[in-house]
Amino acid sequence: MRLGNPNGAAALKRAGKGGAALRETVSRNADQHAWDLAPVVEDLRRQGITSLRGIAAALSERGMLTRRGGQWHVSNVRNVLERINGSSVGGQKP
């Protein structure tokens, strides 16, 4: 079983569409999700939970899911923190 567009990138080229719009939308959604989580992460830090592993465990214990609906791992937390600390959309926080 093969997943995805059976015509691949060729179909996008023929349609005159590239992946830029999709990447921008995905990035904007990820930024928004990170900013929605910022107060929760700050609360965890105030409680003394500061390690990536600790934050991941605490988010999972609270029943919070990643943007894609998965469990939290160190890499997910790192990506969210990077977005919270250094990401902006159009020069402004979402």
PDB file of N, CA and C in Angstrom:
ATOM      1  N   MET A   1       0.843  -1.172   0.000  1.00  0.00           N
ATOM      2  CA  MET A   1       0.000   0.000   0.000  1.00  0.00           C
ATOM      3  C   MET A   1       0.889   1.236   0.000  1.00  0.00           C
ATOM      4  N   ARG A   2       0.632   2.141  -0.922  1.00  0.00           N
ATOM      5  CA  ARG A   2       1.389   3.383  -0.989  1.00  0.00           C
ATOM      6  C   ARG A   2       0.502   4.526  -0.541  1.00  0.00           C
ATOM      7  N   LEU A   3       1.045   5.370   0.325  1.00  0.00           N
ATOM      8  CA  LEU A   3       0.309   6.515   0.832  1.00  0.00           C
ATOM      9  C   LEU A   3       0.696   7.768   0.075  1.00  0.00           C
ATOM     10  N   GLY A   4      -0.163   8.772   0.150  1.00  0.00           N
ATOM     11  CA  GLY A   4       0.168  10.057  -0.453  1.00  0.00           C
ATOM     12  C   GLY A   4      -0.403  10.208  -1.844  1.00  0.00           C
ATOM     13  N   ASN A   5      -0.022  11.284  -2.491  1.00  0.00           N
ATOM     14  CA  ASN A   5      -0.487  11.587  -3.834  1.00  0.00           C
ATOM     15  C   ASN A   5       0.194  10.631  -4.806  1.00  0.00           C
ATOM     16  N   PRO A   6      -0.571   9.850  -5.553  1.00  0.00           N
ATOM     17  CA  PRO A   6       0.052   8.885  -6.463  1.00  0.00           C
ATOM     18  C   PRO A   6       0.878   9.540  -7.564  1.00  0.00           C
ATOM     19  N   ASN A   7       0.599  10.800  -7.837  1.00  0.00           N
ATOM     20  CA  ASN A   7       1.353  11.519  -8.867  1.00  0.00           C
ATOM     21  C   ASN A   7       2.523  12.297  -8.304  1.00  0.00           C
ATOM     22  N   GLY A   8       2.636  12.340  -6.984  1.00  0.00           N
ATOM     23  CA  GLY A   8       3.760  13.008  -6.340  1.00  0.00           C
ATOM     24  C   GLY A   8       3.834  14.486  -6.642  1.00  0.00           C
ATOM     25  N   ALA A   9       5.045  15.003  -6.634  1.00  0.00           N
ATOM     26  CA  ALA A   9       5.274  16.433  -6.835  1.00  0.00           C
ATOM     27  C   ALA A   9       4.895  16.879  -8.239  1.00  0.00           C
ATOM     28  N   ALA A  10       4.882  15.964  -9.183  1.00  0.00           N
ATOM     29  CA  ALA A  10       4.529  16.331 -10.555  1.00  0.00           C
ATOM     30  C   ALA A  10       3.124  16.901 -10.622  1.00  0.00           C
ATOM     31  N   ALA A  11       2.194  16.353  -9.836  1.00  0.00           N
ATOM     32  CA  ALA A  11       0.817  16.855  -9.843  1.00  0.00           C
ATOM     33  C   ALA A  11       0.770  18.281  -9.303  1.00  0.00           C
ATOM     34  N   LEU A  12       1.552  18.571  -8.267  1.00  0.00           N
ATOM     35  CA  LEU A  12       1.598  19.923  -7.727  1.00  0.00           C
ATOM     36  C   LEU A  12       2.171  20.896  -8.743  1.00  0.00           C
ATOM     37  N   LYS A  13       3.205  20.479  -9.457  1.00  0.00           N
ATOM     38  CA  LYS A  13       3.814  21.351 -10.472  1.00  0.00           C
ATOM     39  C   LYS A  13       2.823  21.644 -11.589  1.00  0.00           C
ATOM     40  N   ARG A  14       2.111  20.605 -12.028  1.00  0.00           N
ATOM     41  CA  ARG A  14       1.127  20.810 -13.097  1.00  0.00           C
ATOM     42  C   ARG A  14       0.019  21.749 -12.641  1.00  0.00           C
ATOM     43  N   ALA A  15      -0.343  21.687 -11.385  1.00  0.00           N
ATOM     44  CA  ALA A  15      -1.412  22.530 -10.861  1.00  0.00           C
ATOM     45  C   ALA A  15      -0.915  23.940 -10.550  1.00  0.00           C
ATOM     46  N   GLY A  16       0.385  24.147 -10.648  1.00  0.00           N
ATOM     47  CA  GLY A  16       0.956  25.453 -10.369  1.00  0.00           C
ATOM     48  C   GLY A  16       1.021  25.760  -8.889  1.00  0.00           C
ATOM     49  N   LYS A  17       0.983  24.724  -8.075  1.00  0.00           N
ATOM     50  CA  LYS A  17       1.024  24.905  -6.626  1.00  0.00           C
ATOM     51  C   LYS A  17       2.289  24.257  -6.087  1.00  0.00           C
ATOM     52  N   GLY A  18       2.901  24.922  -5.185  1.00  0.00           N
ATOM     53  CA  GLY A  18       4.062  24.357  -4.516  1.00  0.00           C
ATOM     54  C   GLY A  18       3.707  24.041  -3.082  1.00  0.00           C
ATOM     55  N   GLY A  19       4.676  23.623  -2.336  1.00  0.00           N
ATOM     56  CA  GLY A  19       4.448  23.270  -0.945  1.00  0.00           C
ATOM     57  C   GLY A  19       4.570  24.448   0.004  1.00  0.00           C
ATOM     58  N   ALA A  20       4.880  25.634  -0.504  1.00  0.00           N
ATOM     59  CA  ALA A  20       5.114  26.783   0.378  1.00  0.00           C
ATOM     60  C   ALA A  20       3.878  27.133   1.193  1.00  0.00           C
ATOM     61  N   ALA A  21       2.716  27.149   0.568  1.00  0.00           N
ATOM     62  CA  ALA A  21       1.493  27.506   1.290  1.00  0.00           C
ATOM     63  C   ALA A  21       1.188  26.480   2.383  1.00  0.00           C
ATOM     64  N   LEU A  22       1.378  25.225   2.070  1.00  0.00           N
ATOM     65  CA  LEU A  22       1.143  24.170   3.059  1.00  0.00           C
ATOM     66  C   LEU A  22       2.124  24.293   4.215  1.00  0.00           C
ATOM     67  N   ARG A  23       3.407  24.488   3.908  1.00  0.00           N
ATOM     68  CA  ARG A  23       4.414  24.636   4.966  1.00  0.00           C
ATOM     69  C   ARG A  23       4.099  25.829   5.857  1.00  0.00           C
ATOM     70  N   GLU A  24       3.663  26.923   5.260  1.00  0.00           N
ATOM     71  CA  GLU A  24       3.329  28.117   6.035  1.00  0.00           C
ATOM     72  C   GLU A  24       2.151  27.841   6.974  1.00  0.00           C
ATOM     73  N   THR A  25       1.151  27.145   6.479  1.00  0.00           N
ATOM     74  CA  THR A  25      -0.013  26.822   7.310  1.00  0.00           C
ATOM     75  C   THR A  25       0.359  25.899   8.454  1.00  0.00           C
ATOM     76  N   VAL A  26       1.137  24.870   8.164  1.00  0.00           N
ATOM     77  CA  VAL A  26       1.561  23.931   9.199  1.00  0.00           C
ATOM     78  C   VAL A  26       2.392  24.649  10.252  1.00  0.00           C
ATOM     79  N   SER A  27       3.290  25.508   9.820  1.00  0.00           N
ATOM     80  CA  SER A  27       4.132  26.256  10.743  1.00  0.00           C
ATOM     81  C   SER A  27       3.305  27.196  11.615  1.00  0.00           C
ATOM     82  N   ARG A  28       2.352  27.861  11.012  1.00  0.00           N
ATOM     83  CA  ARG A  28       1.486  28.772  11.763  1.00  0.00           C
ATOM     84  C   ARG A  28       0.662  28.001  12.802  1.00  0.00           C
ATOM     85  N   ASN A  29       0.141  26.840  12.429  1.00  0.00           N
ATOM     86  CA  ASN A  29      -0.617  26.012  13.371  1.00  0.00           C
ATOM     87  C   ASN A  29       0.262  25.538  14.521  1.00  0.00           C
ATOM     88  N   ALA A  30       1.492  25.160  14.213  1.00  0.00           N
ATOM     89  CA  ALA A  30       2.423  24.713  15.257  1.00  0.00           C
ATOM     90  C   ALA A  30       2.773  25.862  16.201  1.00  0.00           C
ATOM     91  N   ASP A  31       2.970  27.052  15.645  1.00  0.00           N
ATOM     92  CA  ASP A  31       3.240  28.230  16.478  1.00  0.00           C
ATOM     93  C   ASP A  31       2.075  28.490  17.424  1.00  0.00           C
ATOM     94  N   GLN A  32       0.861  28.439  16.899  1.00  0.00           N
ATOM     95  CA  GLN A  32      -0.315  28.700  17.719  1.00  0.00           C
ATOM     96  C   GLN A  32      -0.449  27.664  18.827  1.00  0.00           C
ATOM     97  N   HIS A  33      -0.221  26.407  18.498  1.00  0.00           N
ATOM     98  CA  HIS A  33      -0.299  25.340  19.505  1.00  0.00           C
ATOM     99  C   HIS A  33       0.728  25.577  20.604  1.00  0.00           C
ATOM    100  N   ALA A  34       1.923  25.968  20.219  1.00  0.00           N
ATOM    101  CA  ALA A  34       2.976  26.245  21.208  1.00  0.00           C
ATOM    102  C   ALA A  34       2.564  27.391  22.117  1.00  0.00           C
ATOM    103  N   TRP A  35       2.016  28.455  21.541  1.00  0.00           N
ATOM    104  CA  TRP A  35       1.601  29.597  22.360  1.00  0.00           C
ATOM    105  C   TRP A  35       0.425  29.253  23.260  1.00  0.00           C
ATOM    106  N   ASP A  36      -0.432  28.343  22.805  1.00  0.00           N
ATOM    107  CA  ASP A  36      -1.532  27.890  23.659  1.00  0.00           C
ATOM    108  C   ASP A  36      -1.001  27.109  24.861  1.00  0.00           C
ATOM    109  N   LEU A  37       0.122  26.423  24.677  1.00  0.00           N
ATOM    110  CA  LEU A  37       0.721  25.628  25.755  1.00  0.00           C
ATOM    111  C   LEU A  37       1.629  26.447  26.669  1.00  0.00           C
ATOM    112  N   ALA A  38       1.996  27.639  26.258  1.00  0.00           N
ATOM    113  CA  ALA A  38       2.955  28.439  27.027  1.00  0.00           C
ATOM    114  C   ALA A  38       2.556  28.617  28.491  1.00  0.00           C
ATOM    115  N   PRO A  39       1.289  28.925  28.814  1.00  0.00           N
ATOM    116  CA  PRO A  39       0.936  29.074  30.228  1.00  0.00           C
ATOM    117  C   PRO A  39       1.081  27.774  31.023  1.00  0.00           C
ATOM    118  N   VAL A  40       0.805  26.657  30.387  1.00  0.00           N
ATOM    119  CA  VAL A  40       0.935  25.353  31.052  1.00  0.00           C
ATOM    120  C   VAL A  40       2.404  25.068  31.341  1.00  0.00           C
ATOM    121  N   VAL A  41       3.252  25.319  30.352  1.00  0.00           N
ATOM    122  CA  VAL A  41       4.689  25.090  30.522  1.00  0.00           C
ATOM    123  C   VAL A  41       5.235  26.008  31.619  1.00  0.00           C
ATOM    124  N   GLU A  42       4.789  27.247  31.633  1.00  0.00           N
ATOM    125  CA  GLU A  42       5.236  28.183  32.664  1.00  0.00           C
ATOM    126  C   GLU A  42       4.802  27.698  34.048  1.00  0.00           C
ATOM    127  N   ASP A  43       3.590  27.183  34.159  1.00  0.00           N
ATOM    128  CA  ASP A  43       3.104  26.646  35.433  1.00  0.00           C
ATOM    129  C   ASP A  43       3.969  25.465  35.883  1.00  0.00           C
ATOM    130  N   LEU A  44       4.316  24.595  34.953  1.00  0.00           N
ATOM    131  CA  LEU A  44       5.172  23.452  35.291  1.00  0.00           C
ATOM    132  C   LEU A  44       6.538  23.923  35.782  1.00  0.00           C
ATOM    133  N   ARG A  45       7.086  24.931  35.118  1.00  0.00           N
ATOM    134  CA  ARG A  45       8.388  25.469  35.527  1.00  0.00           C
ATOM    135  C   ARG A  45       8.321  26.081  36.925  1.00  0.00           C
ATOM    136  N   ARG A  46       7.224  26.771  37.231  1.00  0.00           N
ATOM    137  CA  ARG A  46       7.054  27.333  38.577  1.00  0.00           C
ATOM    138  C   ARG A  46       6.977  26.229  39.630  1.00  0.00           C
ATOM    139  N   GLN A  47       6.503  25.070  39.234  1.00  0.00           N
ATOM    140  CA  GLN A  47       6.428  23.929  40.144  1.00  0.00           C
ATOM    141  C   GLN A  47       7.774  23.223  40.282  1.00  0.00           C
ATOM    142  N   GLY A  48       8.772  23.680  39.540  1.00  0.00           N
ATOM    143  CA  GLY A  48      10.101  23.094  39.625  1.00  0.00           C
ATOM    144  C   GLY A  48      10.385  22.039  38.575  1.00  0.00           C
ATOM    145  N   ILE A  49       9.465  21.848  37.655  1.00  0.00           N
ATOM    146  CA  ILE A  49       9.669  20.880  36.569  1.00  0.00           C
ATOM    147  C   ILE A  49      10.301  21.634  35.411  1.00  0.00           C
ATOM    148  N   THR A  50      11.604  21.446  35.231  1.00  0.00           N
ATOM    149  CA  THR A  50      12.312  22.247  34.234  1.00  0.00           C
ATOM    150  C   THR A  50      12.988  21.424  33.144  1.00  0.00           C
ATOM    151  N   SER A  51      13.184  20.138  33.362  1.00  0.00           N
ATOM    152  CA  SER A  51      13.857  19.331  32.335  1.00  0.00           C
ATOM    153  C   SER A  51      12.877  18.991  31.219  1.00  0.00           C
ATOM    154  N   LEU A  52      13.402  18.763  30.039  1.00  0.00           N
ATOM    155  CA  LEU A  52      12.557  18.389  28.910  1.00  0.00           C
ATOM    156  C   LEU A  52      11.790  17.104  29.214  1.00  0.00           C
ATOM    157  N   ARG A  53      12.481  16.141  29.797  1.00  0.00           N
ATOM    158  CA  ARG A  53      11.844  14.863  30.132  1.00  0.00           C
ATOM    159  C   ARG A  53      10.745  15.064  31.181  1.00  0.00           C
ATOM    160  N   GLY A  54      11.023  15.911  32.167  1.00  0.00           N
ATOM    161  CA  GLY A  54      10.041  16.183  33.208  1.00  0.00           C
ATOM    162  C   GLY A  54       8.807  16.876  32.664  1.00  0.00           C
ATOM    163  N   ILE A  55       9.007  17.853  31.782  1.00  0.00           N
ATOM    164  CA  ILE A  55       7.877  18.557  31.176  1.00  0.00           C
ATOM    165  C   ILE A  55       7.061  17.592  30.320  1.00  0.00           C
ATOM    166  N   ALA A  56       7.734  16.747  29.550  1.00  0.00           N
ATOM    167  CA  ALA A  56       7.032  15.767  28.721  1.00  0.00           C
ATOM    168  C   ALA A  56       6.175  14.845  29.590  1.00  0.00           C
ATOM    169  N   ALA A  57       6.749  14.359  30.679  1.00  0.00           N
ATOM    170  CA  ALA A  57       6.012  13.463  31.573  1.00  0.00           C
ATOM    171  C   ALA A  57       4.816  14.178  32.192  1.00  0.00           C
ATOM    172  N   ALA A  58       5.015  15.425  32.613  1.00  0.00           N
ATOM    173  CA  ALA A  58       3.934  16.178  33.255  1.00  0.00           C
ATOM    174  C   ALA A  58       2.797  16.462  32.268  1.00  0.00           C
ATOM    175  N   LEU A  59       3.128  16.816  31.038  1.00  0.00           N
ATOM    176  CA  LEU A  59       2.094  17.059  30.035  1.00  0.00           C
ATOM    177  C   LEU A  59       1.307  15.780  29.750  1.00  0.00           C
ATOM    178  N   SER A  60       2.007  14.667  29.662  1.00  0.00           N
ATOM    179  CA  SER A  60       1.337  13.389  29.430  1.00  0.00           C
ATOM    180  C   SER A  60       0.457  13.000  30.614  1.00  0.00           C
ATOM    181  N   GLU A  61       0.960  13.227  31.830  1.00  0.00           N
ATOM    182  CA  GLU A  61       0.183  12.913  33.031  1.00  0.00           C
ATOM    183  C   GLU A  61      -1.096  13.745  33.099  1.00  0.00           C
ATOM    184  N   ARG A  62      -1.047  14.949  32.587  1.00  0.00           N
ATOM    185  CA  ARG A  62      -2.227  15.821  32.574  1.00  0.00           C
ATOM    186  C   ARG A  62      -3.193  15.453  31.450  1.00  0.00           C
ATOM    187  N   GLY A  63      -2.817  14.481  30.647  1.00  0.00           N
ATOM    188  CA  GLY A  63      -3.681  14.056  29.549  1.00  0.00           C
ATOM    189  C   GLY A  63      -3.626  14.962  28.340  1.00  0.00           C
ATOM    190  N   MET A  64      -2.617  15.825  28.295  1.00  0.00           N
ATOM    191  CA  MET A  64      -2.476  16.729  27.160  1.00  0.00           C
ATOM    192  C   MET A  64      -1.768  15.999  26.026  1.00  0.00           C
ATOM    193  N   LEU A  65      -2.235  16.214  24.829  1.00  0.00           N
ATOM    194  CA  LEU A  65      -1.652  15.562  23.662  1.00  0.00           C
ATOM    195  C   LEU A  65      -0.861  16.564  22.833  1.00  0.00           C
ATOM    196  N   THR A  66       0.048  16.038  22.032  1.00  0.00           N
ATOM    197  CA  THR A  66       0.788  16.890  21.102  1.00  0.00           C
ATOM    198  C   THR A  66      -0.180  17.421  20.053  1.00  0.00           C
ATOM    199  N   ARG A  67       0.289  18.328  19.233  1.00  0.00           N
ATOM    200  CA  ARG A  67      -0.554  18.912  18.185  1.00  0.00           C
ATOM    201  C   ARG A  67      -1.121  17.832  17.270  1.00  0.00           C
ATOM    202  N   ARG A  68      -0.370  16.781  17.060  1.00  0.00           N
ATOM    203  CA  ARG A  68      -0.822  15.690  16.196  1.00  0.00           C
ATOM    204  C   ARG A  68      -1.558  14.594  16.958  1.00  0.00           C
ATOM    205  N   GLY A  69      -1.800  14.832  18.245  1.00  0.00           N
ATOM    206  CA  GLY A  69      -2.581  13.877  19.030  1.00  0.00           C
ATOM    207  C   GLY A  69      -1.784  12.763  19.667  1.00  0.00           C
ATOM    208  N   GLY A  70      -0.466  12.911  19.726  1.00  0.00           N
ATOM    209  CA  GLY A  70       0.384  11.871  20.287  1.00  0.00           C
ATOM    210  C   GLY A  70       0.812  12.156  21.716  1.00  0.00           C
ATOM    211  N   GLN A  71       1.615  11.260  22.241  1.00  0.00           N
ATOM    212  CA  GLN A  71       2.181  11.410  23.571  1.00  0.00           C
ATOM    213  C   GLN A  71       3.401  12.322  23.499  1.00  0.00           C
ATOM    214  N   TRP A  72       3.724  12.927  24.624  1.00  0.00           N
ATOM    215  CA  TRP A  72       4.843  13.862  24.686  1.00  0.00           C
ATOM    216  C   TRP A  72       6.166  13.136  24.848  1.00  0.00           C
ATOM    217  N   HIS A  73       7.167  13.613  24.136  1.00  0.00           N
ATOM    218  CA  HIS A  73       8.542  13.122  24.217  1.00  0.00           C
ATOM    219  C   HIS A  73       9.463  14.338  24.326  1.00  0.00           C
ATOM    220  N   VAL A  74      10.699  14.093  24.648  1.00  0.00           N
ATOM    221  CA  VAL A  74      11.675  15.173  24.791  1.00  0.00           C
ATOM    222  C   VAL A  74      11.715  16.042  23.535  1.00  0.00           C
ATOM    223  N   SER A  75      11.713  15.422  22.373  1.00  0.00           N
ATOM    224  CA  SER A  75      11.813  16.187  21.128  1.00  0.00           C
ATOM    225  C   SER A  75      10.600  17.084  20.917  1.00  0.00           C
ATOM    226  N   ASN A  76       9.396  16.622  21.278  1.00  0.00           N
ATOM    227  CA  ASN A  76       8.198  17.459  21.151  1.00  0.00           C
ATOM    228  C   ASN A  76       8.312  18.687  22.046  1.00  0.00           C
ATOM    229  N   VAL A  77       8.741  18.461  23.282  1.00  0.00           N
ATOM    230  CA  VAL A  77       8.873  19.563  24.234  1.00  0.00           C
ATOM    231  C   VAL A  77       9.922  20.554  23.744  1.00  0.00           C
ATOM    232  N   ARG A  78      11.051  20.050  23.259  1.00  0.00           N
ATOM    233  CA  ARG A  78      12.106  20.935  22.750  1.00  0.00           C
ATOM    234  C   ARG A  78      11.561  21.806  21.627  1.00  0.00           C
ATOM    235  N   ASN A  79      10.819  21.214  20.708  1.00  0.00           N
ATOM    236  CA  ASN A  79      10.271  21.979  19.585  1.00  0.00           C
ATOM    237  C   ASN A  79       9.281  23.042  20.058  1.00  0.00           C
ATOM    238  N   VAL A  80       8.430  22.687  21.018  1.00  0.00           N
ATOM    239  CA  VAL A  80       7.463  23.652  21.546  1.00  0.00           C
ATOM    240  C   VAL A  80       8.189  24.798  22.240  1.00  0.00           C
ATOM    241  N   LEU A  81       9.198  24.468  23.051  1.00  0.00           N
ATOM    242  CA  LEU A  81       9.943  25.523  23.758  1.00  0.00           C
ATOM    243  C   LEU A  81      10.664  26.440  22.786  1.00  0.00           C
ATOM    244  N   GLU A  82      11.208  25.878  21.718  1.00  0.00           N
ATOM    245  CA  GLU A  82      11.866  26.711  20.707  1.00  0.00           C
ATOM    246  C   GLU A  82      10.866  27.668  20.070  1.00  0.00           C
ATOM    247  N   ARG A  83       9.660  27.190  19.819  1.00  0.00           N
ATOM    248  CA  ARG A  83       8.636  28.052  19.229  1.00  0.00           C
ATOM    249  C   ARG A  83       8.202  29.132  20.215  1.00  0.00           C
ATOM    250  N   ILE A  84       8.053  28.758  21.486  1.00  0.00           N
ATOM    251  CA  ILE A  84       7.645  29.730  22.499  1.00  0.00           C
ATOM    252  C   ILE A  84       8.728  30.794  22.684  1.00  0.00           C
ATOM    253  N   ASN A  85       9.973  30.363  22.734  1.00  0.00           N
ATOM    254  CA  ASN A  85      11.069  31.277  23.053  1.00  0.00           C
ATOM    255  C   ASN A  85      11.585  32.079  21.873  1.00  0.00           C
ATOM    256  N   GLY A  86      11.393  31.575  20.661  1.00  0.00           N
ATOM    257  CA  GLY A  86      12.023  32.281  19.559  1.00  0.00           C
ATOM    258  C   GLY A  86      11.211  32.404  18.300  1.00  0.00           C
ATOM    259  N   SER A  87      10.011  31.907  18.326  1.00  0.00           N
ATOM    260  CA  SER A  87       9.209  31.917  17.106  1.00  0.00           C
ATOM    261  C   SER A  87       8.266  33.094  17.089  1.00  0.00           C
ATOM    262  N   SER A  88       8.051  33.599  15.911  1.00  0.00           N
ATOM    263  CA  SER A  88       7.025  34.616  15.733  1.00  0.00           C
ATOM    264  C   SER A  88       6.466  34.479  14.332  1.00  0.00           C
ATOM    265  N   VAL A  89       5.263  34.912  14.159  1.00  0.00           N
ATOM    266  CA  VAL A  89       4.620  34.885  12.852  1.00  0.00           C
ATOM    267  C   VAL A  89       4.455  36.323  12.408  1.00  0.00           C
ATOM    268  N   GLY A  90       5.094  36.683  11.328  1.00  0.00           N
ATOM    269  CA  GLY A  90       4.987  38.053  10.825  1.00  0.00           C
ATOM    270  C   GLY A  90       5.544  39.067  11.805  1.00  0.00           C
ATOM    271  N   GLY A  91       6.513  38.636  12.636  1.00  0.00           N
ATOM    272  CA  GLY A  91       7.108  39.558  13.591  1.00  0.00           C
ATOM    273  C   GLY A  91       6.316  39.700  14.869  1.00  0.00           C
ATOM    274  N   GLN A  92       5.167  39.002  14.958  1.00  0.00           N
ATOM    275  CA  GLN A  92       4.346  39.103  16.154  1.00  0.00           C
ATOM    276  C   GLN A  92       4.007  37.708  16.650  1.00  0.00           C
ATOM    277  N   LYS A  93       3.744  37.615  17.933  1.00  0.00           N
ATOM    278  CA  LYS A  93       3.317  36.358  18.495  1.00  0.00           C
ATOM    279  C   LYS A  93       1.905  36.079  17.982  1.00  0.00           C
ATOM    280  N   PRO A  94       1.617  34.801  17.723  1.00  0.00           N
ATOM    281  CA  PRO A  94       0.277  34.483  17.203  1.00  0.00           C
ATOM    282  C   PRO A  94      -0.816  34.846  18.188  1.00  0.00           C
TER     283      PRO A  94
END
